[in-house]
Amino acid sequence: MSEVQKQELEAQIADLKSQLTGDMFADMELRDQIHNLEMKLKGVKPMDSSIDCIGCGS
């Protein structure tokens, strides 16, 4: 992943975090998007998984 791609992901994460309201139910979709972007940024996927994460249940 290039430095430009990392910066773009970090910018998207910051934008999504700025939209959080503090209401757990209202923020659920935003938090899911943030989680997915952070996993992509860190190059993480679930253990024993050969495919990208669709959802981890958190």
C-alpha atoms as a PDB file:
ATOM      1  CA  MET A   1       0.000   0.000   0.000  1.00  0.00           C
ATOM      2  CA  SER A   2       1.448   3.338  -1.015  1.00  0.00           C
ATOM      3  CA  GLU A   3       1.790   6.333   1.287  1.00  0.00           C
ATOM      4  CA  VAL A   4      -0.868   8.170  -0.740  1.00  0.00           C
ATOM      5  CA  GLN A   5      -3.332   5.294  -0.252  1.00  0.00           C
ATOM      6  CA  LYS A   6      -2.610   5.284   3.504  1.00  0.00           C
ATOM      7  CA  GLN A   7      -3.230   9.034   3.697  1.00  0.00           C
ATOM      8  CA  GLU A   8      -6.500   8.671   1.794  1.00  0.00           C
ATOM      9  CA  LEU A   9      -7.692   5.935   4.163  1.00  0.00           C
ATOM     10  CA  GLU A  10      -6.685   8.009   7.192  1.00  0.00           C
ATOM     11  CA  ALA A  11      -8.581  10.999   5.776  1.00  0.00           C
ATOM     12  CA  GLN A  12     -11.685   8.863   5.216  1.00  0.00           C
ATOM     13  CA  ILE A  13     -11.455   7.524   8.777  1.00  0.00           C
ATOM     14  CA  ALA A  14     -11.093  11.052  10.200  1.00  0.00           C
ATOM     15  CA  ASP A  15     -14.100  12.216   8.163  1.00  0.00           C
ATOM     16  CA  LEU A  16     -16.241   9.339   9.406  1.00  0.00           C
ATOM     17  CA  LYS A  17     -15.133   9.900  13.019  1.00  0.00           C
ATOM     18  CA  SER A  18     -16.156  13.554  12.739  1.00  0.00           C
ATOM     19  CA  GLN A  19     -19.699  12.382  11.895  1.00  0.00           C
ATOM     20  CA  LEU A  20     -20.107  10.278  15.059  1.00  0.00           C
ATOM     21  CA  THR A  21     -22.946  11.471  17.296  1.00  0.00           C
ATOM     22  CA  GLY A  22     -22.275   9.499  20.481  1.00  0.00           C
ATOM     23  CA  ASP A  23     -25.528   7.549  20.011  1.00  0.00           C
ATOM     24  CA  MET A  24     -24.465   3.912  19.776  1.00  0.00           C
ATOM     25  CA  PHE A  25     -27.351   2.882  17.534  1.00  0.00           C
ATOM     26  CA  ALA A  26     -27.099   5.887  15.224  1.00  0.00           C
ATOM     27  CA  ASP A  27     -23.319   5.439  14.960  1.00  0.00           C
ATOM     28  CA  MET A  28     -23.370   1.691  14.308  1.00  0.00           C
ATOM     29  CA  GLU A  29     -23.018   1.950  10.521  1.00  0.00           C
ATOM     30  CA  LEU A  30     -20.337   4.665  10.770  1.00  0.00           C
ATOM     31  CA  ARG A  31     -18.365   2.598  13.285  1.00  0.00           C
ATOM     32  CA  ASP A  32     -18.570  -0.417  10.987  1.00  0.00           C
ATOM     33  CA  GLN A  33     -17.198   1.642   8.093  1.00  0.00           C
ATOM     34  CA  ILE A  34     -14.413   3.020  10.330  1.00  0.00           C
ATOM     35  CA  HIS A  35     -13.558  -0.504  11.504  1.00  0.00           C
ATOM     36  CA  ASN A  36     -13.359  -1.812   7.939  1.00  0.00           C
ATOM     37  CA  LEU A  37     -11.134   1.085   6.820  1.00  0.00           C
ATOM     38  CA  GLU A  38      -8.846   0.647   9.840  1.00  0.00           C
ATOM     39  CA  MET A  39      -8.500  -3.061   9.083  1.00  0.00           C
ATOM     40  CA  LYS A  40      -7.633  -2.246   5.465  1.00  0.00           C
ATOM     41  CA  LEU A  41      -5.133   0.397   6.637  1.00  0.00           C
ATOM     42  CA  LYS A  42      -3.442  -2.056   8.999  1.00  0.00           C
ATOM     43  CA  GLY A  43      -3.612  -4.961   6.546  1.00  0.00           C
ATOM     44  CA  VAL A  44      -5.598  -7.033   9.038  1.00  0.00           C
ATOM     45  CA  LYS A  45      -8.190  -9.692   8.392  1.00  0.00           C
ATOM     46  CA  PRO A  46      -9.728 -12.324  10.685  1.00  0.00           C
ATOM     47  CA  MET A  47      -7.529 -15.238  11.730  1.00  0.00           C
ATOM     48  CA  ASP A  48      -7.840 -18.367   9.585  1.00  0.00           C
ATOM     49  CA  SER A  49      -9.537 -16.328   6.863  1.00  0.00           C
ATOM     50  CA  SER A  50      -8.472 -16.503   3.254  1.00  0.00           C
ATOM     51  CA  ILE A  51     -11.046 -13.869   2.261  1.00  0.00           C
ATOM     52  CA  ASP A  52     -11.492 -10.264   3.287  1.00  0.00           C
ATOM     53  CA  CYS A  53     -13.613  -9.524   6.330  1.00  0.00           C
ATOM     54  CA  ILE A  54     -17.312  -9.049   5.655  1.00  0.00           C
ATOM     55  CA  GLY A  55     -18.116  -8.550   9.314  1.00  0.00           C
ATOM     56  CA  CYS A  56     -16.564  -9.661  12.565  1.00  0.00           C
ATOM     57  CA  GLY A  57     -19.700  -9.516  14.679  1.00  0.00           C
ATOM     58  CA  SER A  58     -18.472  -6.716  16.904  1.00  0.00           C
END
